[in-house]
């Protein structure tokens, strides 16, 4: 007790924007895949396609 410091653990930041289109994610309308929230399934597919294209460019 004496001499102990209570260090607060940093809280994980809440994701508020879609990684694909950077729109605000609303609580009622969200799409969760692979540990991330997206605004729609369309944005999730676009993000996957974009990341695959970047990976293929890096390998060449």
PDB file of N, CA and C in Angstrom:
ATOM      1  N   UNK A   1       0.819  -1.185   0.000  1.00  0.00           N
ATOM      2  CA  UNK A   1       0.000   0.000   0.000  1.00  0.00           C
ATOM      3  C   UNK A   1       0.867   1.255   0.000  1.00  0.00           C
ATOM      4  N   UNK A   2       1.742   1.359   0.970  1.00  0.00           N
ATOM      5  CA  UNK A   2       2.599   2.534   1.014  1.00  0.00           C
ATOM      6  C   UNK A   2       3.701   2.376  -0.026  1.00  0.00           C
ATOM      7  N   UNK A   3       3.844   3.351  -0.875  1.00  0.00           N
ATOM      8  CA  UNK A   3       4.884   3.304  -1.883  1.00  0.00           C
ATOM      9  C   UNK A   3       4.454   2.640  -3.184  1.00  0.00           C
ATOM     10  N   UNK A   4       3.282   2.049  -3.232  1.00  0.00           N
ATOM     11  CA  UNK A   4       2.799   1.432  -4.462  1.00  0.00           C
ATOM     12  C   UNK A   4       2.110   2.483  -5.329  1.00  0.00           C
ATOM     13  N   UNK A   5       2.349   2.384  -6.600  1.00  0.00           N
ATOM     14  CA  UNK A   5       1.684   3.315  -7.509  1.00  0.00           C
ATOM     15  C   UNK A   5       0.638   2.541  -8.296  1.00  0.00           C
ATOM     16  N   UNK A   6      -0.495   3.105  -8.408  1.00  0.00           N
ATOM     17  CA  UNK A   6      -1.584   2.494  -9.190  1.00  0.00           C
ATOM     18  C   UNK A   6      -1.552   3.090 -10.585  1.00  0.00           C
ATOM     19  N   UNK A   7      -0.882   2.381 -11.487  1.00  0.00           N
ATOM     20  CA  UNK A   7      -0.822   2.855 -12.857  1.00  0.00           C
ATOM     21  C   UNK A   7      -2.026   2.320 -13.613  1.00  0.00           C
ATOM     22  N   UNK A   8      -2.709   3.215 -14.248  1.00  0.00           N
ATOM     23  CA  UNK A   8      -3.885   2.827 -15.017  1.00  0.00           C
ATOM     24  C   UNK A   8      -3.435   2.191 -16.325  1.00  0.00           C
ATOM     25  N   UNK A   9      -4.048   1.093 -16.664  1.00  0.00           N
ATOM     26  CA  UNK A   9      -3.740   0.433 -17.932  1.00  0.00           C
ATOM     27  C   UNK A   9      -4.344   1.252 -19.064  1.00  0.00           C
ATOM     28  N   UNK A  10      -3.628   1.385 -20.156  1.00  0.00           N
ATOM     29  CA  UNK A  10      -4.209   2.140 -21.279  1.00  0.00           C
ATOM     30  C   UNK A  10      -5.383   1.362 -21.875  1.00  0.00           C
ATOM     31  N   UNK A  11      -6.467   2.061 -22.075  1.00  0.00           N
ATOM     32  CA  UNK A  11      -7.655   1.431 -22.653  1.00  0.00           C
ATOM     33  C   UNK A  11      -7.471   1.262 -24.147  1.00  0.00           C
ATOM     34  N   UNK A  12      -8.030   0.188 -24.666  1.00  0.00           N
ATOM     35  CA  UNK A  12      -7.993  -0.027 -26.112  1.00  0.00           C
ATOM     36  C   UNK A  12      -8.898   1.011 -26.767  1.00  0.00           C
ATOM     37  N   UNK A  13      -8.398   1.623 -27.814  1.00  0.00           N
ATOM     38  CA  UNK A  13      -9.187   2.647 -28.486  1.00  0.00           C
ATOM     39  C   UNK A  13     -10.357   2.015 -29.224  1.00  0.00           C
ATOM     40  N   UNK A  14     -11.473   2.660 -29.144  1.00  0.00           N
ATOM     41  CA  UNK A  14     -12.682   2.183 -29.814  1.00  0.00           C
ATOM     42  C   UNK A  14     -12.630   2.623 -31.280  1.00  0.00           C
ATOM     43  N   UNK A  15     -12.827   1.669 -32.161  1.00  0.00           N
ATOM     44  CA  UNK A  15     -12.794   1.975 -33.593  1.00  0.00           C
ATOM     45  C   UNK A  15     -14.054   2.740 -33.966  1.00  0.00           C
ATOM     46  N   UNK A  16     -13.885   3.903 -34.575  1.00  0.00           N
ATOM     47  CA  UNK A  16     -15.042   4.735 -34.905  1.00  0.00           C
ATOM     48  C   UNK A  16     -15.243   4.915 -36.397  1.00  0.00           C
ATOM     49  N   UNK A  17     -14.196   4.663 -37.195  1.00  0.00           N
ATOM     50  CA  UNK A  17     -14.309   4.858 -38.641  1.00  0.00           C
ATOM     51  C   UNK A  17     -14.029   3.570 -39.391  1.00  0.00           C
ATOM     52  N   UNK A  18     -14.662   3.427 -40.523  1.00  0.00           N
ATOM     53  CA  UNK A  18     -14.463   2.270 -41.395  1.00  0.00           C
ATOM     54  C   UNK A  18     -13.063   2.345 -41.995  1.00  0.00           C
ATOM     55  N   UNK A  19     -12.282   1.248 -41.946  1.00  0.00           N
ATOM     56  CA  UNK A  19     -10.934   1.284 -42.521  1.00  0.00           C
ATOM     57  C   UNK A  19     -10.926   1.409 -44.044  1.00  0.00           C
ATOM     58  N   UNK A  20     -12.001   1.028 -44.714  1.00  0.00           N
ATOM     59  CA  UNK A  20     -12.046   1.080 -46.174  1.00  0.00           C
ATOM     60  C   UNK A  20     -12.420   2.466 -46.688  1.00  0.00           C
ATOM     61  N   UNK A  21     -13.478   3.059 -46.136  1.00  0.00           N
ATOM     62  CA  UNK A  21     -13.969   4.329 -46.685  1.00  0.00           C
ATOM     63  C   UNK A  21     -13.879   5.496 -45.700  1.00  0.00           C
ATOM     64  N   UNK A  22     -13.467   5.219 -44.462  1.00  0.00           N
ATOM     65  CA  UNK A  22     -13.290   6.234 -43.421  1.00  0.00           C
ATOM     66  C   UNK A  22     -14.597   6.916 -43.010  1.00  0.00           C
ATOM     67  N   UNK A  23     -15.715   6.241 -43.219  1.00  0.00           N
ATOM     68  CA  UNK A  23     -17.004   6.776 -42.753  1.00  0.00           C
ATOM     69  C   UNK A  23     -17.180   6.438 -41.278  1.00  0.00           C
ATOM     70  N   UNK A  24     -18.011   7.201 -40.611  1.00  0.00           N
ATOM     71  CA  UNK A  24     -18.347   6.945 -39.230  1.00  0.00           C
ATOM     72  C   UNK A  24     -19.149   5.646 -39.129  1.00  0.00           C
ATOM     73  N   UNK A  25     -18.770   4.773 -38.203  1.00  0.00           N
ATOM     74  CA  UNK A  25     -19.491   3.508 -38.027  1.00  0.00           C
ATOM     75  C   UNK A  25     -20.563   3.710 -36.972  1.00  0.00           C
ATOM     76  N   UNK A  26     -21.792   3.476 -37.343  1.00  0.00           N
ATOM     77  CA  UNK A  26     -22.908   3.605 -36.417  1.00  0.00           C
ATOM     78  C   UNK A  26     -23.138   2.271 -35.721  1.00  0.00           C
ATOM     79  N   UNK A  27     -23.597   2.333 -34.492  1.00  0.00           N
ATOM     80  CA  UNK A  27     -23.743   1.126 -33.685  1.00  0.00           C
ATOM     81  C   UNK A  27     -24.768   0.157 -34.285  1.00  0.00           C
ATOM     82  N   UNK A  28     -25.839   0.680 -34.831  1.00  0.00           N
ATOM     83  CA  UNK A  28     -26.881  -0.185 -35.370  1.00  0.00           C
ATOM     84  C   UNK A  28     -26.491  -0.800 -36.710  1.00  0.00           C
ATOM     85  N   UNK A  29     -25.633  -0.113 -37.444  1.00  0.00           N
ATOM     86  CA  UNK A  29     -25.275  -0.587 -38.774  1.00  0.00           C
ATOM     87  C   UNK A  29     -23.763  -0.763 -38.851  1.00  0.00           C
ATOM     88  N   UNK A  30     -23.298  -1.960 -38.493  1.00  0.00           N
ATOM     89  CA  UNK A  30     -21.876  -2.240 -38.576  1.00  0.00           C
ATOM     90  C   UNK A  30     -21.655  -3.688 -38.970  1.00  0.00           C
ATOM     91  N   UNK A  31     -20.511  -3.931 -39.571  1.00  0.00           N
ATOM     92  CA  UNK A  31     -20.172  -5.241 -40.115  1.00  0.00           C
ATOM     93  C   UNK A  31     -18.820  -5.634 -39.531  1.00  0.00           C
ATOM     94  N   UNK A  32     -18.770  -6.728 -38.756  1.00  0.00           N
ATOM     95  CA  UNK A  32     -17.562  -7.131 -38.037  1.00  0.00           C
ATOM     96  C   UNK A  32     -16.919  -8.333 -38.711  1.00  0.00           C
ATOM     97  N   UNK A  33     -15.670  -8.170 -39.148  1.00  0.00           N
ATOM     98  CA  UNK A  33     -14.909  -9.264 -39.748  1.00  0.00           C
ATOM     99  C   UNK A  33     -13.437  -9.108 -39.391  1.00  0.00           C
ATOM    100  N   UNK A  34     -12.801 -10.197 -39.046  1.00  0.00           N
ATOM    101  CA  UNK A  34     -11.359 -10.262 -38.792  1.00  0.00           C
ATOM    102  C   UNK A  34     -10.889  -9.239 -37.756  1.00  0.00           C
ATOM    103  N   UNK A  35     -11.675  -9.047 -36.714  1.00  0.00           N
ATOM    104  CA  UNK A  35     -11.263  -8.156 -35.637  1.00  0.00           C
ATOM    105  C   UNK A  35     -11.446  -6.682 -35.899  1.00  0.00           C
ATOM    106  N   UNK A  36     -12.111  -6.323 -36.983  1.00  0.00           N
ATOM    107  CA  UNK A  36     -12.343  -4.914 -37.316  1.00  0.00           C
ATOM    108  C   UNK A  36     -13.803  -4.703 -37.677  1.00  0.00           C
ATOM    109  N   UNK A  37     -14.269  -3.482 -37.480  1.00  0.00           N
ATOM    110  CA  UNK A  37     -15.617  -3.107 -37.859  1.00  0.00           C
ATOM    111  C   UNK A  37     -15.584  -2.344 -39.175  1.00  0.00           C
ATOM    112  N   UNK A  38     -16.521  -2.664 -40.050  1.00  0.00           N
ATOM    113  CA  UNK A  38     -16.687  -1.978 -41.333  1.00  0.00           C
ATOM    114  C   UNK A  38     -18.111  -1.450 -41.385  1.00  0.00           C
ATOM    115  N   UNK A  39     -18.365  -0.455 -42.236  1.00  0.00           N
ATOM    116  CA  UNK A  39     -19.719   0.105 -42.291  1.00  0.00           C
ATOM    117  C   UNK A  39     -20.665  -0.827 -43.055  1.00  0.00           C
ATOM    118  N   UNK A  40     -20.175  -1.529 -44.072  1.00  0.00           N
ATOM    119  CA  UNK A  40     -21.017  -2.463 -44.831  1.00  0.00           C
ATOM    120  C   UNK A  40     -20.177  -3.636 -45.327  1.00  0.00           C
ATOM    121  N   UNK A  41     -20.849  -4.645 -45.834  1.00  0.00           N
ATOM    122  CA  UNK A  41     -20.164  -5.793 -46.416  1.00  0.00           C
ATOM    123  C   UNK A  41     -19.399  -5.375 -47.668  1.00  0.00           C
ATOM    124  N   UNK A  42     -19.946  -4.413 -48.398  1.00  0.00           N
ATOM    125  CA  UNK A  42     -19.294  -3.910 -49.602  1.00  0.00           C
ATOM    126  C   UNK A  42     -17.933  -3.297 -49.266  1.00  0.00           C
ATOM    127  N   UNK A  43     -17.866  -2.534 -48.191  1.00  0.00           N
ATOM    128  CA  UNK A  43     -16.605  -1.929 -47.771  1.00  0.00           C
ATOM    129  C   UNK A  43     -15.617  -2.996 -47.311  1.00  0.00           C
ATOM    130  N   UNK A  44     -16.094  -4.031 -46.658  1.00  0.00           N
ATOM    131  CA  UNK A  44     -15.228  -5.120 -46.228  1.00  0.00           C
ATOM    132  C   UNK A  44     -14.600  -5.804 -47.432  1.00  0.00           C
ATOM    133  N   UNK A  45     -15.412  -6.094 -48.442  1.00  0.00           N
ATOM    134  CA  UNK A  45     -14.897  -6.732 -49.656  1.00  0.00           C
ATOM    135  C   UNK A  45     -13.912  -5.814 -50.393  1.00  0.00           C
ATOM    136  N   UNK A  46     -14.193  -4.518 -50.411  1.00  0.00           N
ATOM    137  CA  UNK A  46     -13.295  -3.560 -51.062  1.00  0.00           C
ATOM    138  C   UNK A  46     -11.960  -3.502 -50.331  1.00  0.00           C
ATOM    139  N   UNK A  47     -11.990  -3.550 -49.014  1.00  0.00           N
ATOM    140  CA  UNK A  47     -10.765  -3.520 -48.220  1.00  0.00           C
ATOM    141  C   UNK A  47      -9.937  -4.780 -48.470  1.00  0.00           C
ATOM    142  N   UNK A  48     -10.591  -5.935 -48.552  1.00  0.00           N
ATOM    143  CA  UNK A  48      -9.904  -7.198 -48.820  1.00  0.00           C
ATOM    144  C   UNK A  48      -9.273  -7.162 -50.213  1.00  0.00           C
ATOM    145  N   UNK A  49     -10.014  -6.695 -51.198  1.00  0.00           N
ATOM    146  CA  UNK A  49      -9.502  -6.623 -52.568  1.00  0.00           C
ATOM    147  C   UNK A  49      -8.306  -5.672 -52.650  1.00  0.00           C
ATOM    148  N   UNK A  50      -8.398  -4.545 -51.946  1.00  0.00           N
ATOM    149  CA  UNK A  50      -7.320  -3.567 -51.951  1.00  0.00           C
ATOM    150  C   UNK A  50      -6.059  -4.136 -51.298  1.00  0.00           C
ATOM    151  N   UNK A  51      -6.231  -4.842 -50.190  1.00  0.00           N
ATOM    152  CA  UNK A  51      -5.066  -5.399 -49.506  1.00  0.00           C
ATOM    153  C   UNK A  51      -4.423  -6.528 -50.318  1.00  0.00           C
ATOM    154  N   UNK A  52      -5.234  -7.310 -51.034  1.00  0.00           N
ATOM    155  CA  UNK A  52      -4.677  -8.359 -51.898  1.00  0.00           C
ATOM    156  C   UNK A  52      -3.899  -7.757 -53.051  1.00  0.00           C
ATOM    157  N   UNK A  53      -4.397  -6.654 -53.609  1.00  0.00           N
ATOM    158  CA  UNK A  53      -3.706  -5.981 -54.703  1.00  0.00           C
ATOM    159  C   UNK A  53      -2.366  -5.416 -54.232  1.00  0.00           C
ATOM    160  N   UNK A  54      -2.332  -4.853 -53.039  1.00  0.00           N
ATOM    161  CA  UNK A  54      -1.086  -4.315 -52.481  1.00  0.00           C
ATOM    162  C   UNK A  54      -0.081  -5.431 -52.229  1.00  0.00           C
ATOM    163  N   UNK A  55      -0.551  -6.590 -51.732  1.00  0.00           N
ATOM    164  CA  UNK A  55       0.327  -7.714 -51.474  1.00  0.00           C
ATOM    165  C   UNK A  55       0.942  -8.255 -52.752  1.00  0.00           C
ATOM    166  N   UNK A  56       0.149  -8.313 -53.817  1.00  0.00           N
ATOM    167  CA  UNK A  56       0.659  -8.839 -55.082  1.00  0.00           C
ATOM    168  C   UNK A  56       1.668  -7.872 -55.704  1.00  0.00           C
ATOM    169  N   UNK A  57       1.512  -6.564 -55.501  1.00  0.00           N
ATOM    170  CA  UNK A  57       2.453  -5.589 -56.020  1.00  0.00           C
ATOM    171  C   UNK A  57       3.783  -5.662 -55.272  1.00  0.00           C
ATOM    172  N   UNK A  58       3.713  -5.922 -53.974  1.00  0.00           N
ATOM    173  CA  UNK A  58       4.923  -6.007 -53.169  1.00  0.00           C
ATOM    174  C   UNK A  58       5.759  -7.231 -53.540  1.00  0.00           C
ATOM    175  N   UNK A  59       5.109  -8.316 -53.909  1.00  0.00           N
ATOM    176  CA  UNK A  59       5.803  -9.561 -54.247  1.00  0.00           C
ATOM    177  C   UNK A  59       6.512  -9.470 -55.594  1.00  0.00           C
ATOM    178  N   UNK A  60       6.035  -8.625 -56.476  1.00  0.00           N
ATOM    179  CA  UNK A  60       6.630  -8.528 -57.806  1.00  0.00           C
ATOM    180  C   UNK A  60       7.908  -7.754 -57.808  1.00  0.00           C
TER     181      UNK A  60
END
